[in-house]
């Protein structure tokens, strides 16, 4: 649905100043990407702020909506489609790594969308030091399971790789499918009502 107050369909340049009635103060540079609104600060922070004032539930939000097809002929999202990406990159002295993401949070569809189905997962990516290739570090899947170094977490927390835990860890039930090694530590085992 096209917003009724302010709509951008393609590149838009707004040079400084306040747009009356919108409370919108943007300095923008044109880019070569269709539908891009770029906010920048020259020797200053570039900030997009959302303020909400209500007597009931007060909130400010940033929302992304996606569809297949076109504006005039929208089609349902399919499994694997990207719904929204929040990403970051940095200038390397020559370019912005070809506009590629160096770190991102991606919201993805996990099933074909219908009026009764709209599953999602969240993917987190980072880039290691000394590299320009991003890695998928973790996922929240459609069941609410968190996977670290795995895209298919089987439990509420699935970690693929070594884990360091500092502090007290409480475990209701422990099932070991491999070797448990304890270095310079103490293991206490107790049972209630015994």
C-alpha atoms as a PDB file:
ATOM      1  CA  UNK A   1       0.000   0.000   0.000  1.00  0.00           C
ATOM      2  CA  UNK A   2       1.388   3.419  -0.976  1.00  0.00           C
ATOM      3  CA  UNK A   3       1.745   5.793   2.006  1.00  0.00           C
ATOM      4  CA  UNK A   4      -0.787   8.622   1.875  1.00  0.00           C
ATOM      5  CA  UNK A   5       1.554  11.342   3.155  1.00  0.00           C
ATOM      6  CA  UNK A   6       4.969  10.782   1.582  1.00  0.00           C
ATOM      7  CA  UNK A   7       5.952   8.305  -1.111  1.00  0.00           C
ATOM      8  CA  UNK A   8       9.262   7.737  -2.886  1.00  0.00           C
ATOM      9  CA  UNK A   9       9.181   5.784  -6.138  1.00  0.00           C
ATOM     10  CA  UNK A  10      12.792   5.843  -7.275  1.00  0.00           C
ATOM     11  CA  UNK A  11      15.756   8.047  -6.403  1.00  0.00           C
ATOM     12  CA  UNK A  12      14.877  11.216  -4.522  1.00  0.00           C
ATOM     13  CA  UNK A  13      17.039  14.173  -3.603  1.00  0.00           C
ATOM     14  CA  UNK A  14      16.099  16.297  -0.618  1.00  0.00           C
ATOM     15  CA  UNK A  15      18.717  18.906   0.204  1.00  0.00           C
ATOM     16  CA  UNK A  16      18.431  20.069   3.773  1.00  0.00           C
ATOM     17  CA  UNK A  17      15.539  21.835   5.369  1.00  0.00           C
ATOM     18  CA  UNK A  18      12.331  20.688   6.960  1.00  0.00           C
ATOM     19  CA  UNK A  19       9.445  19.373   4.865  1.00  0.00           C
ATOM     20  CA  UNK A  20       6.378  21.115   6.249  1.00  0.00           C
ATOM     21  CA  UNK A  21       3.821  18.799   7.786  1.00  0.00           C
ATOM     22  CA  UNK A  22       6.098  15.764   7.765  1.00  0.00           C
ATOM     23  CA  UNK A  23       8.661  16.671  10.400  1.00  0.00           C
ATOM     24  CA  UNK A  24      11.250  15.319   7.949  1.00  0.00           C
ATOM     25  CA  UNK A  25      14.731  16.818   7.898  1.00  0.00           C
ATOM     26  CA  UNK A  26      16.944  15.003   5.385  1.00  0.00           C
ATOM     27  CA  UNK A  27      20.030  15.774   3.369  1.00  0.00           C
ATOM     28  CA  UNK A  28      20.236  13.226   0.577  1.00  0.00           C
ATOM     29  CA  UNK A  29      22.629  12.182  -2.174  1.00  0.00           C
ATOM     30  CA  UNK A  30      21.484  10.526  -5.369  1.00  0.00           C
ATOM     31  CA  UNK A  31      22.714   6.975  -5.874  1.00  0.00           C
ATOM     32  CA  UNK A  32      22.568   4.595  -8.808  1.00  0.00           C
ATOM     33  CA  UNK A  33      20.215   2.211  -7.012  1.00  0.00           C
ATOM     34  CA  UNK A  34      16.522   2.569  -7.841  1.00  0.00           C
ATOM     35  CA  UNK A  35      14.286   3.295  -4.877  1.00  0.00           C
ATOM     36  CA  UNK A  36      17.154   4.407  -2.632  1.00  0.00           C
ATOM     37  CA  UNK A  37      16.924   7.244  -0.144  1.00  0.00           C
ATOM     38  CA  UNK A  38      20.369   8.020   1.237  1.00  0.00           C
ATOM     39  CA  UNK A  39      20.755  10.120   4.361  1.00  0.00           C
ATOM     40  CA  UNK A  40      24.250  11.426   5.083  1.00  0.00           C
ATOM     41  CA  UNK A  41      25.989  13.786   7.432  1.00  0.00           C
ATOM     42  CA  UNK A  42      28.988  15.777   6.224  1.00  0.00           C
ATOM     43  CA  UNK A  43      31.282  15.981   9.287  1.00  0.00           C
ATOM     44  CA  UNK A  44      28.311  14.980  11.399  1.00  0.00           C
ATOM     45  CA  UNK A  45      26.375  11.876  12.394  1.00  0.00           C
ATOM     46  CA  UNK A  46      23.790  10.604   9.928  1.00  0.00           C
ATOM     47  CA  UNK A  47      20.786   9.689  12.040  1.00  0.00           C
ATOM     48  CA  UNK A  48      17.273   8.571  11.280  1.00  0.00           C
ATOM     49  CA  UNK A  49      15.083   9.034  14.345  1.00  0.00           C
ATOM     50  CA  UNK A  50      11.501   7.962  14.934  1.00  0.00           C
ATOM     51  CA  UNK A  51       9.536   9.536  17.773  1.00  0.00           C
ATOM     52  CA  UNK A  52       6.084   8.423  18.911  1.00  0.00           C
ATOM     53  CA  UNK A  53       3.722  10.265  21.241  1.00  0.00           C
ATOM     54  CA  UNK A  54       0.561   8.476  22.331  1.00  0.00           C
ATOM     55  CA  UNK A  55      -1.531   8.140  25.469  1.00  0.00           C
ATOM     56  CA  UNK A  56      -1.891   4.386  25.015  1.00  0.00           C
ATOM     57  CA  UNK A  57       0.933   2.068  23.948  1.00  0.00           C
ATOM     58  CA  UNK A  58       3.770   4.346  22.876  1.00  0.00           C
ATOM     59  CA  UNK A  59       6.249   3.039  20.364  1.00  0.00           C
ATOM     60  CA  UNK A  60       8.417   4.063  17.465  1.00  0.00           C
ATOM     61  CA  UNK A  61       8.916   1.463  14.761  1.00  0.00           C
ATOM     62  CA  UNK A  62      10.799   0.654  11.588  1.00  0.00           C
ATOM     63  CA  UNK A  63       8.935  -1.741   9.328  1.00  0.00           C
ATOM     64  CA  UNK A  64       9.802  -3.494   6.096  1.00  0.00           C
ATOM     65  CA  UNK A  65       7.210  -5.093   3.837  1.00  0.00           C
ATOM     66  CA  UNK A  66       7.991  -7.212   0.804  1.00  0.00           C
ATOM     67  CA  UNK A  67       6.042  -8.789  -2.053  1.00  0.00           C
ATOM     68  CA  UNK A  68       6.835 -10.509  -5.317  1.00  0.00           C
ATOM     69  CA  UNK A  69       5.633  -9.050  -8.593  1.00  0.00           C
ATOM     70  CA  UNK A  70       5.235  -5.295  -8.992  1.00  0.00           C
ATOM     71  CA  UNK A  71       3.421  -2.404  -7.327  1.00  0.00           C
ATOM     72  CA  UNK A  72       0.430  -2.878  -9.626  1.00  0.00           C
ATOM     73  CA  UNK A  73       0.521  -6.693  -9.590  1.00  0.00           C
ATOM     74  CA  UNK A  74       1.727  -7.952  -6.227  1.00  0.00           C
ATOM     75  CA  UNK A  75       2.351 -11.653  -5.641  1.00  0.00           C
ATOM     76  CA  UNK A  76       2.811 -13.710  -2.492  1.00  0.00           C
ATOM     77  CA  UNK A  77       6.211 -14.136  -0.867  1.00  0.00           C
ATOM     78  CA  UNK A  78       7.832 -17.545  -1.348  1.00  0.00           C
ATOM     79  CA  UNK A  79       9.992 -19.582   1.031  1.00  0.00           C
ATOM     80  CA  UNK A  80      13.540 -18.236   1.113  1.00  0.00           C
ATOM     81  CA  UNK A  81      12.599 -14.705   0.025  1.00  0.00           C
ATOM     82  CA  UNK A  82      14.221 -11.811   1.888  1.00  0.00           C
ATOM     83  CA  UNK A  83      11.735  -9.604   3.732  1.00  0.00           C
ATOM     84  CA  UNK A  84      14.057  -6.993   5.232  1.00  0.00           C
ATOM     85  CA  UNK A  85      17.811  -6.435   5.596  1.00  0.00           C
ATOM     86  CA  UNK A  86      19.546  -4.066   7.995  1.00  0.00           C
ATOM     87  CA  UNK A  87      23.202  -3.917   7.023  1.00  0.00           C
ATOM     88  CA  UNK A  88      26.407  -1.971   7.448  1.00  0.00           C
ATOM     89  CA  UNK A  89      29.549  -1.400   5.402  1.00  0.00           C
ATOM     90  CA  UNK A  90      32.535   0.923   5.578  1.00  0.00           C
ATOM     91  CA  UNK A  91      34.786   2.857   3.240  1.00  0.00           C
ATOM     92  CA  UNK A  92      38.060   1.005   2.549  1.00  0.00           C
ATOM     93  CA  UNK A  93      39.988   3.886   1.018  1.00  0.00           C
ATOM     94  CA  UNK A  94      38.626   3.270  -2.482  1.00  0.00           C
ATOM     95  CA  UNK A  95      35.009   2.161  -2.248  1.00  0.00           C
ATOM     96  CA  UNK A  96      32.420   0.675   0.083  1.00  0.00           C
ATOM     97  CA  UNK A  97      33.426  -2.929  -0.730  1.00  0.00           C
ATOM     98  CA  UNK A  98      31.245  -2.757  -3.859  1.00  0.00           C
ATOM     99  CA  UNK A  99      28.296  -1.890  -1.606  1.00  0.00           C
ATOM    100  CA  UNK A 100      28.434  -5.369  -0.032  1.00  0.00           C
ATOM    101  CA  UNK A 101      27.314  -5.878   3.535  1.00  0.00           C
ATOM    102  CA  UNK A 102      30.029  -6.304   6.139  1.00  0.00           C
ATOM    103  CA  UNK A 103      27.524  -7.051   8.901  1.00  0.00           C
ATOM    104  CA  UNK A 104      23.792  -7.591   8.619  1.00  0.00           C
ATOM    105  CA  UNK A 105      20.538  -8.695  10.181  1.00  0.00           C
ATOM    106  CA  UNK A 106      18.308 -10.360   7.601  1.00  0.00           C
ATOM    107  CA  UNK A 107      14.643 -11.340   7.967  1.00  0.00           C
ATOM    108  CA  UNK A 108      13.715 -14.238   5.667  1.00  0.00           C
ATOM    109  CA  UNK A 109      10.547 -16.143   4.797  1.00  0.00           C
ATOM    110  CA  UNK A 110      10.598 -19.824   5.751  1.00  0.00           C
ATOM    111  CA  UNK A 111       7.488 -20.894   3.854  1.00  0.00           C
ATOM    112  CA  UNK A 112       5.288 -19.823   0.967  1.00  0.00           C
ATOM    113  CA  UNK A 113       3.011 -17.069   2.239  1.00  0.00           C
ATOM    114  CA  UNK A 114      -0.767 -17.410   2.350  1.00  0.00           C
ATOM    115  CA  UNK A 115      -3.474 -15.742   4.421  1.00  0.00           C
ATOM    116  CA  UNK A 116      -2.806 -18.319   7.161  1.00  0.00           C
ATOM    117  CA  UNK A 117       0.952 -18.909   6.839  1.00  0.00           C
ATOM    118  CA  UNK A 118       3.830 -16.447   7.238  1.00  0.00           C
ATOM    119  CA  UNK A 119       6.836 -18.162   8.847  1.00  0.00           C
ATOM    120  CA  UNK A 120      10.105 -16.280   9.296  1.00  0.00           C
ATOM    121  CA  UNK A 121      13.674 -16.606  10.529  1.00  0.00           C
ATOM    122  CA  UNK A 122      16.376 -14.063  11.341  1.00  0.00           C
ATOM    123  CA  UNK A 123      19.935 -14.422  10.050  1.00  0.00           C
ATOM    124  CA  UNK A 124      22.928 -12.588  11.529  1.00  0.00           C
ATOM    125  CA  UNK A 125      26.151 -12.140   9.511  1.00  0.00           C
ATOM    126  CA  UNK A 126      29.574 -10.686  10.330  1.00  0.00           C
ATOM    127  CA  UNK A 127      32.921 -10.424   8.549  1.00  0.00           C
ATOM    128  CA  UNK A 128      36.099 -11.782  10.195  1.00  0.00           C
ATOM    129  CA  UNK A 129      39.188  -9.607  10.562  1.00  0.00           C
ATOM    130  CA  UNK A 130      41.465  -9.811   7.524  1.00  0.00           C
ATOM    131  CA  UNK A 131      38.628 -10.852   5.213  1.00  0.00           C
ATOM    132  CA  UNK A 132      35.998  -9.319   2.941  1.00  0.00           C
ATOM    133  CA  UNK A 133      33.750 -12.393   2.929  1.00  0.00           C
ATOM    134  CA  UNK A 134      30.838 -12.328   5.340  1.00  0.00           C
ATOM    135  CA  UNK A 135      29.931 -15.354   7.445  1.00  0.00           C
ATOM    136  CA  UNK A 136      26.538 -16.423   8.707  1.00  0.00           C
ATOM    137  CA  UNK A 137      27.091 -16.506  12.453  1.00  0.00           C
ATOM    138  CA  UNK A 138      23.667 -17.330  13.848  1.00  0.00           C
ATOM    139  CA  UNK A 139      19.992 -17.863  13.122  1.00  0.00           C
ATOM    140  CA  UNK A 140      16.725 -17.530  15.007  1.00  0.00           C
ATOM    141  CA  UNK A 141      14.534 -20.042  13.192  1.00  0.00           C
ATOM    142  CA  UNK A 142      10.753 -20.140  12.755  1.00  0.00           C
ATOM    143  CA  UNK A 143      10.398 -22.196  15.971  1.00  0.00           C
ATOM    144  CA  UNK A 144      12.316 -19.660  18.054  1.00  0.00           C
ATOM    145  CA  UNK A 145      15.421 -21.850  18.203  1.00  0.00           C
ATOM    146  CA  UNK A 146      18.778 -20.058  18.228  1.00  0.00           C
ATOM    147  CA  UNK A 147      21.580 -21.579  16.188  1.00  0.00           C
ATOM    148  CA  UNK A 148      25.158 -20.393  16.560  1.00  0.00           C
ATOM    149  CA  UNK A 149      27.294 -21.446  13.576  1.00  0.00           C
ATOM    150  CA  UNK A 150      24.362 -23.497  12.278  1.00  0.00           C
ATOM    151  CA  UNK A 151      21.420 -22.611  10.044  1.00  0.00           C
ATOM    152  CA  UNK A 152      19.308 -25.503  11.357  1.00  0.00           C
ATOM    153  CA  UNK A 153      19.151 -25.323  15.164  1.00  0.00           C
ATOM    154  CA  UNK A 154      17.476 -28.445  16.544  1.00  0.00           C
ATOM    155  CA  UNK A 155      16.981 -27.135  20.087  1.00  0.00           C
ATOM    156  CA  UNK A 156      16.321 -23.789  21.785  1.00  0.00           C
ATOM    157  CA  UNK A 157      20.101 -23.303  21.707  1.00  0.00           C
ATOM    158  CA  UNK A 158      22.238 -25.180  19.183  1.00  0.00           C
ATOM    159  CA  UNK A 159      25.952 -24.402  19.136  1.00  0.00           C
ATOM    160  CA  UNK A 160      28.202 -25.946  16.495  1.00  0.00           C
ATOM    161  CA  UNK A 161      31.785 -25.516  17.646  1.00  0.00           C
ATOM    162  CA  UNK A 162      33.646 -25.057  20.893  1.00  0.00           C
ATOM    163  CA  UNK A 163      31.920 -23.237  23.740  1.00  0.00           C
ATOM    164  CA  UNK A 164      33.389 -21.360  26.701  1.00  0.00           C
ATOM    165  CA  UNK A 165      31.060 -20.775  29.630  1.00  0.00           C
ATOM    166  CA  UNK A 166      32.300 -18.642  32.501  1.00  0.00           C
ATOM    167  CA  UNK A 167      30.131 -18.732  35.584  1.00  0.00           C
ATOM    168  CA  UNK A 168      27.465 -21.026  36.941  1.00  0.00           C
ATOM    169  CA  UNK A 169      25.453 -23.140  34.544  1.00  0.00           C
ATOM    170  CA  UNK A 170      22.294 -24.869  35.706  1.00  0.00           C
ATOM    171  CA  UNK A 171      21.236 -27.958  33.741  1.00  0.00           C
ATOM    172  CA  UNK A 172      18.026 -29.844  34.434  1.00  0.00           C
ATOM    173  CA  UNK A 173      18.981 -32.844  32.316  1.00  0.00           C
ATOM    174  CA  UNK A 174      22.297 -33.563  30.636  1.00  0.00           C
ATOM    175  CA  UNK A 175      22.571 -35.907  27.672  1.00  0.00           C
ATOM    176  CA  UNK A 176      26.116 -36.304  26.346  1.00  0.00           C
ATOM    177  CA  UNK A 177      26.526 -37.562  22.789  1.00  0.00           C
ATOM    178  CA  UNK A 178      30.305 -37.176  22.928  1.00  0.00           C
ATOM    179  CA  UNK A 179      33.123 -36.752  25.439  1.00  0.00           C
ATOM    180  CA  UNK A 180      32.842 -34.443  28.450  1.00  0.00           C
ATOM    181  CA  UNK A 181      36.233 -33.119  29.592  1.00  0.00           C
ATOM    182  CA  UNK A 182      36.664 -31.104  32.787  1.00  0.00           C
ATOM    183  CA  UNK A 183      39.959 -29.294  33.335  1.00  0.00           C
ATOM    184  CA  UNK A 184      40.817 -28.018  36.835  1.00  0.00           C
ATOM    185  CA  UNK A 185      37.206 -27.955  37.840  1.00  0.00           C
ATOM    186  CA  UNK A 186      34.782 -29.556  40.233  1.00  0.00           C
ATOM    187  CA  UNK A 187      31.556 -31.282  39.264  1.00  0.00           C
ATOM    188  CA  UNK A 188      28.857 -31.577  41.906  1.00  0.00           C
ATOM    189  CA  UNK A 189      25.968 -33.949  41.349  1.00  0.00           C
ATOM    190  CA  UNK A 190      22.926 -33.905  43.587  1.00  0.00           C
ATOM    191  CA  UNK A 191      19.374 -35.184  43.364  1.00  0.00           C
ATOM    192  CA  UNK A 192      16.322 -33.666  44.999  1.00  0.00           C
ATOM    193  CA  UNK A 193      14.473 -35.732  47.631  1.00  0.00           C
ATOM    194  CA  UNK A 194      17.420 -38.164  48.035  1.00  0.00           C
END
